[in-house]
Amino acid sequence: MFRPKIPTMPVPTERVTPAALVEPTAVITSAQTAPPALAAPSSSRPVVQLTPGTVLALVGGGTAVVLVVGAVLVSMLLAVAVTGASVAVCAVVLRSLLASDAKRR
């Protein structure tokens, strides 16, 4: 039941013919020409020129992204800290309530 079954190679059921022979064709050489001189490759992409205005915009955009991401991360850290403090306060209140209840008995 748990033994793997190894598949067997299928056997052809009809007569197999060999592949047709391909004969090489004659190669006709033409007059030898010198290869063309390689020109400098031209880029299909436009060249980006950074002017002082675009540099200022890039620096300002990068600074804004860093400040926004920093503010989000700090707010998440603050939310975790406030949640932890509130859970600690709830634990202290419950402990005091349970301790005062045990003293009354």
Foldseek 3Di string as FASTA:
>chain_A
DPDDDDDDDDDDPDDDDDDDDDDDDDDDDDDDDDDDDDDDDDDPDDDDDDDPVNVVVVVVVVVVVVVVVVVVVVVVVVVVVVVVVVVVVVVVVVVVVVVVVVVVD
